Amino acid sequence: MKFRRLGEATATATIVFDGRTISCQAGESVAAALLAAGVDHFRTTPVSGVPRLPFCMIGNCFDCLVQIDGRADCQACLSIVADGMIVRSQSGAGRLEDR
């Protein structure tokens, strides 16, 4: 596991990522929740299709772009989980019709 929470996690929210239900803590970032659940990539690059994960966790690198509740190009590291949130991985540059 590349990422883990410090201490015991108390599941207080549930999100769905690419059809997979993930228990997480209210108040944590979507990126932290996905990494703690063992998600192996959040998006792929537009040109080569290489899988990407968050790098900086502070909103500078844009490697954590996902679709949240139908809105594309959301930075998972800056988005706070909300119970029932639907998160999808982003393929390439996303789709304009999703914005």
N, C-alpha and C. Protein backbone atom coordinates (compact mmCIF):
# COMPACT_ATOMS: atom_id res chain seq x y z
N MET A 1 0.85 -1.18 0.00
CA MET A 1 0.00 0.00 0.00
C MET A 1 0.89 1.24 0.00
N LYS A 2 0.68 2.11 -0.94
CA LYS A 2 1.49 3.31 -1.08
C LYS A 2 1.04 4.43 -0.16
N PHE A 3 -0.19 4.40 0.29
CA PHE A 3 -0.76 5.48 1.08
C PHE A 3 -1.61 4.87 2.16
N ARG A 4 -1.50 5.37 3.37
CA ARG A 4 -2.38 4.90 4.44
C ARG A 4 -2.63 6.04 5.42
N ARG A 5 -3.75 5.94 6.08
CA ARG A 5 -4.11 6.94 7.08
C ARG A 5 -3.31 6.70 8.35
N LEU A 6 -3.09 7.76 9.09
CA LEU A 6 -2.49 7.64 10.41
C LEU A 6 -3.60 7.33 11.39
N GLY A 7 -3.45 6.32 12.18
CA GLY A 7 -4.48 5.96 13.15
C GLY A 7 -5.64 5.24 12.50
N GLU A 8 -6.64 4.98 13.31
CA GLU A 8 -7.83 4.28 12.86
C GLU A 8 -8.75 5.20 12.06
N ALA A 9 -9.27 4.68 10.98
CA ALA A 9 -10.21 5.44 10.16
C ALA A 9 -11.63 5.08 10.58
N THR A 10 -12.43 6.09 10.78
CA THR A 10 -13.84 5.88 11.08
C THR A 10 -14.63 6.31 9.86
N ALA A 11 -15.27 5.35 9.21
CA ALA A 11 -16.04 5.66 8.00
C ALA A 11 -17.26 6.49 8.37
N THR A 12 -17.31 7.70 7.82
CA THR A 12 -18.44 8.58 8.09
C THR A 12 -19.10 9.04 6.79
N ALA A 13 -18.56 8.60 5.67
CA ALA A 13 -19.12 8.96 4.36
C ALA A 13 -18.84 7.83 3.39
N THR A 14 -19.63 7.77 2.35
CA THR A 14 -19.44 6.78 1.29
C THR A 14 -19.45 7.51 -0.04
N ILE A 15 -18.46 7.21 -0.87
CA ILE A 15 -18.42 7.74 -2.23
C ILE A 15 -18.36 6.56 -3.19
N VAL A 16 -18.64 6.82 -4.45
CA VAL A 16 -18.56 5.78 -5.47
C VAL A 16 -17.54 6.23 -6.49
N PHE A 17 -16.52 5.39 -6.72
CA PHE A 17 -15.48 5.68 -7.70
C PHE A 17 -15.51 4.62 -8.78
N ASP A 18 -15.84 5.02 -10.00
CA ASP A 18 -15.92 4.10 -11.13
C ASP A 18 -16.74 2.84 -10.79
N GLY A 19 -17.86 3.05 -10.09
CA GLY A 19 -18.75 1.96 -9.73
C GLY A 19 -18.40 1.23 -8.46
N ARG A 20 -17.29 1.57 -7.84
CA ARG A 20 -16.83 0.91 -6.61
C ARG A 20 -17.18 1.79 -5.41
N THR A 21 -17.87 1.22 -4.42
CA THR A 21 -18.23 1.96 -3.22
C THR A 21 -17.03 2.01 -2.28
N ILE A 22 -16.73 3.22 -1.79
CA ILE A 22 -15.57 3.43 -0.93
C ILE A 22 -16.02 4.15 0.33
N SER A 23 -15.70 3.57 1.48
CA SER A 23 -15.98 4.22 2.76
C SER A 23 -14.83 5.16 3.07
N CYS A 24 -15.17 6.34 3.55
CA CYS A 24 -14.14 7.33 3.83
C CYS A 24 -14.57 8.22 4.99
N GLN A 25 -13.70 9.13 5.35
CA GLN A 25 -13.99 10.04 6.45
C GLN A 25 -14.46 11.37 5.91
N ALA A 26 -15.55 11.87 6.46
CA ALA A 26 -16.01 13.20 6.08
C ALA A 26 -14.90 14.19 6.42
N GLY A 27 -14.68 15.15 5.52
CA GLY A 27 -13.66 16.16 5.75
C GLY A 27 -12.33 15.88 5.08
N GLU A 28 -12.11 14.64 4.64
CA GLU A 28 -10.85 14.36 3.95
C GLU A 28 -11.02 14.63 2.46
N SER A 29 -9.92 14.78 1.77
CA SER A 29 -9.98 15.04 0.33
C SER A 29 -10.37 13.77 -0.41
N VAL A 30 -10.92 13.97 -1.60
CA VAL A 30 -11.25 12.84 -2.46
C VAL A 30 -9.98 12.06 -2.77
N ALA A 31 -8.88 12.76 -3.02
CA ALA A 31 -7.61 12.09 -3.31
C ALA A 31 -7.17 11.20 -2.15
N ALA A 32 -7.24 11.70 -0.93
CA ALA A 32 -6.84 10.90 0.23
C ALA A 32 -7.73 9.67 0.38
N ALA A 33 -9.03 9.84 0.16
CA ALA A 33 -9.96 8.71 0.27
C ALA A 33 -9.65 7.64 -0.78
N LEU A 34 -9.40 8.08 -2.02
CA LEU A 34 -9.12 7.12 -3.09
C LEU A 34 -7.78 6.42 -2.87
N LEU A 35 -6.77 7.17 -2.47
CA LEU A 35 -5.47 6.56 -2.21
C LEU A 35 -5.54 5.56 -1.06
N ALA A 36 -6.25 5.91 0.01
CA ALA A 36 -6.39 5.00 1.15
C ALA A 36 -7.14 3.73 0.77
N ALA A 37 -8.01 3.83 -0.24
CA ALA A 37 -8.76 2.66 -0.71
C ALA A 37 -7.97 1.83 -1.72
N GLY A 38 -6.75 2.27 -2.04
CA GLY A 38 -5.90 1.49 -2.94
C GLY A 38 -6.13 1.73 -4.42
N VAL A 39 -6.79 2.83 -4.77
CA VAL A 39 -7.01 3.14 -6.19
C VAL A 39 -5.65 3.35 -6.85
N ASP A 40 -5.41 2.69 -8.01
CA ASP A 40 -4.09 2.71 -8.63
C ASP A 40 -3.86 3.82 -9.65
N HIS A 41 -4.93 4.50 -10.09
CA HIS A 41 -4.76 5.70 -10.92
C HIS A 41 -6.07 6.47 -10.98
N PHE A 42 -5.94 7.78 -11.13
CA PHE A 42 -7.11 8.65 -11.14
C PHE A 42 -7.48 9.06 -12.57
N ARG A 43 -6.49 9.17 -13.43
CA ARG A 43 -6.71 9.62 -14.80
C ARG A 43 -5.62 9.06 -15.69
N THR A 44 -5.79 9.26 -17.00
CA THR A 44 -4.74 8.93 -17.95
C THR A 44 -4.38 10.21 -18.71
N THR A 45 -3.15 10.27 -19.21
CA THR A 45 -2.70 11.46 -19.92
C THR A 45 -3.31 11.52 -21.32
N PRO A 46 -3.52 12.73 -21.85
CA PRO A 46 -4.15 12.88 -23.16
C PRO A 46 -3.37 12.28 -24.32
N VAL A 47 -2.05 12.40 -24.32
CA VAL A 47 -1.27 11.98 -25.48
C VAL A 47 -0.93 10.49 -25.44
N SER A 48 -0.34 10.03 -24.34
CA SER A 48 0.15 8.65 -24.30
C SER A 48 -0.75 7.67 -23.55
N GLY A 49 -1.73 8.18 -22.79
CA GLY A 49 -2.61 7.30 -22.04
C GLY A 49 -1.98 6.73 -20.78
N VAL A 50 -0.88 7.32 -20.31
CA VAL A 50 -0.20 6.84 -19.12
C VAL A 50 -1.06 7.12 -17.88
N PRO A 51 -1.23 6.14 -17.00
CA PRO A 51 -2.02 6.36 -15.78
C PRO A 51 -1.30 7.31 -14.82
N ARG A 52 -2.07 8.17 -14.15
CA ARG A 52 -1.51 9.16 -13.24
C ARG A 52 -2.20 9.09 -11.88
N LEU A 53 -1.44 9.42 -10.85
CA LEU A 53 -1.90 9.56 -9.47
C LEU A 53 -1.53 10.95 -8.98
N PRO A 54 -2.11 11.39 -7.86
CA PRO A 54 -1.71 12.68 -7.32
C PRO A 54 -0.21 12.70 -7.02
N PHE A 55 0.39 13.83 -7.27
CA PHE A 55 1.82 13.99 -7.00
C PHE A 55 2.04 14.97 -5.85
N CYS A 56 1.46 16.15 -5.95
CA CYS A 56 1.77 17.19 -4.97
C CYS A 56 0.78 17.25 -3.81
N MET A 57 -0.46 16.87 -4.03
CA MET A 57 -1.54 16.92 -3.03
C MET A 57 -1.87 18.33 -2.55
N ILE A 58 -1.45 19.36 -3.32
CA ILE A 58 -1.78 20.75 -2.96
C ILE A 58 -2.33 21.54 -4.14
N GLY A 59 -2.70 20.88 -5.22
CA GLY A 59 -3.36 21.55 -6.34
C GLY A 59 -2.47 22.14 -7.41
N ASN A 60 -1.17 21.86 -7.37
CA ASN A 60 -0.26 22.43 -8.36
C ASN A 60 -0.05 21.56 -9.60
N CYS A 61 -0.08 20.24 -9.45
CA CYS A 61 0.36 19.37 -10.55
C CYS A 61 -0.77 18.93 -11.49
N PHE A 62 -2.01 18.95 -11.05
CA PHE A 62 -3.16 18.53 -11.85
C PHE A 62 -3.13 17.05 -12.25
N ASP A 63 -2.35 16.24 -11.57
CA ASP A 63 -2.32 14.80 -11.86
C ASP A 63 -3.50 14.06 -11.23
N CYS A 64 -4.29 14.75 -10.43
CA CYS A 64 -5.40 14.10 -9.73
C CYS A 64 -6.76 14.44 -10.33
N LEU A 65 -6.79 14.91 -11.58
CA LEU A 65 -8.07 15.31 -12.18
C LEU A 65 -9.03 14.13 -12.30
N VAL A 66 -10.26 14.36 -11.85
CA VAL A 66 -11.33 13.37 -11.91
C VAL A 66 -12.63 14.07 -12.28
N GLN A 67 -13.65 13.30 -12.48
CA GLN A 67 -15.00 13.85 -12.69
C GLN A 67 -15.76 13.63 -11.38
N ILE A 68 -16.35 14.69 -10.85
CA ILE A 68 -17.11 14.59 -9.61
C ILE A 68 -18.55 15.04 -9.86
N ASP A 69 -19.47 14.14 -9.59
CA ASP A 69 -20.90 14.41 -9.78
C ASP A 69 -21.19 15.03 -11.15
N GLY A 70 -20.55 14.48 -12.19
CA GLY A 70 -20.79 14.91 -13.56
C GLY A 70 -19.96 16.08 -14.04
N ARG A 71 -19.18 16.68 -13.17
CA ARG A 71 -18.35 17.83 -13.54
C ARG A 71 -16.90 17.37 -13.77
N ALA A 72 -16.40 17.59 -14.98
CA ALA A 72 -15.04 17.14 -15.34
C ALA A 72 -13.99 18.11 -14.80
N ASP A 73 -12.75 17.66 -14.83
CA ASP A 73 -11.57 18.45 -14.47
C ASP A 73 -11.57 18.95 -13.03
N CYS A 74 -12.06 18.14 -12.10
CA CYS A 74 -12.02 18.49 -10.68
C CYS A 74 -10.72 17.96 -10.09
N GLN A 75 -10.06 18.75 -9.30
CA GLN A 75 -8.84 18.31 -8.64
C GLN A 75 -9.23 17.54 -7.37
N ALA A 76 -8.95 16.25 -7.35
CA ALA A 76 -9.33 15.40 -6.23
C ALA A 76 -8.64 15.81 -4.94
N CYS A 77 -7.43 16.36 -5.04
CA CYS A 77 -6.71 16.75 -3.82
C CYS A 77 -7.30 17.99 -3.16
N LEU A 78 -8.06 18.79 -3.91
CA LEU A 78 -8.67 20.00 -3.37
C LEU A 78 -10.16 19.85 -3.12
N SER A 79 -10.72 18.69 -3.46
CA SER A 79 -12.16 18.45 -3.31
C SER A 79 -12.40 17.62 -2.05
N ILE A 80 -13.30 18.06 -1.22
CA ILE A 80 -13.63 17.37 0.02
C ILE A 80 -14.76 16.38 -0.24
N VAL A 81 -14.63 15.17 0.33
CA VAL A 81 -15.66 14.15 0.12
C VAL A 81 -17.00 14.60 0.70
N ALA A 82 -18.04 14.18 0.05
CA ALA A 82 -19.41 14.37 0.53
C ALA A 82 -20.12 13.04 0.39
N ASP A 83 -20.89 12.68 1.36
CA ASP A 83 -21.58 11.40 1.34
C ASP A 83 -22.42 11.28 0.07
N GLY A 84 -22.26 10.17 -0.65
CA GLY A 84 -23.00 9.92 -1.87
C GLY A 84 -22.37 10.47 -3.14
N MET A 85 -21.21 11.10 -3.01
CA MET A 85 -20.52 11.69 -4.17
C MET A 85 -20.19 10.61 -5.20
N ILE A 86 -20.37 10.92 -6.48
CA ILE A 86 -20.02 10.01 -7.57
C ILE A 86 -18.75 10.55 -8.23
N VAL A 87 -17.70 9.76 -8.20
CA VAL A 87 -16.41 10.16 -8.76
C VAL A 87 -16.04 9.19 -9.87
N ARG A 88 -15.58 9.73 -10.99
CA ARG A 88 -15.16 8.88 -12.11
C ARG A 88 -13.75 9.26 -12.51
N SER A 89 -12.97 8.26 -12.91
CA SER A 89 -11.63 8.55 -13.43
C SER A 89 -11.77 9.31 -14.74
N GLN A 90 -10.74 10.05 -15.07
CA GLN A 90 -10.78 10.86 -16.28
C GLN A 90 -9.83 10.27 -17.31
N SER A 91 -10.31 10.10 -18.50
CA SER A 91 -9.51 9.55 -19.58
C SER A 91 -9.00 10.68 -20.46
N GLY A 92 -7.71 10.83 -20.54
CA GLY A 92 -7.12 11.89 -21.36
C GLY A 92 -7.47 13.27 -20.83
N ALA A 93 -7.91 14.14 -21.71
CA ALA A 93 -8.21 15.52 -21.34
C ALA A 93 -9.65 15.71 -20.89
N GLY A 94 -10.39 14.66 -20.69
CA GLY A 94 -11.79 14.79 -20.33
C GLY A 94 -12.62 15.07 -21.57
N ARG A 95 -13.91 15.27 -21.36
CA ARG A 95 -14.79 15.55 -22.48
C ARG A 95 -15.49 16.87 -22.25
N LEU A 96 -15.56 17.70 -23.26
CA LEU A 96 -16.18 19.00 -23.11
C LEU A 96 -17.64 18.91 -22.70
N GLU A 97 -18.34 17.88 -23.17
CA GLU A 97 -19.76 17.76 -22.81
C GLU A 97 -19.96 17.43 -21.34
N ASP A 98 -18.90 17.01 -20.62
CA ASP A 98 -19.00 16.72 -19.20
C ASP A 98 -18.82 17.95 -18.34
N ARG A 99 -18.42 19.07 -18.93
CA ARG A 99 -18.10 20.27 -18.14
C ARG A 99 -19.31 21.07 -17.83
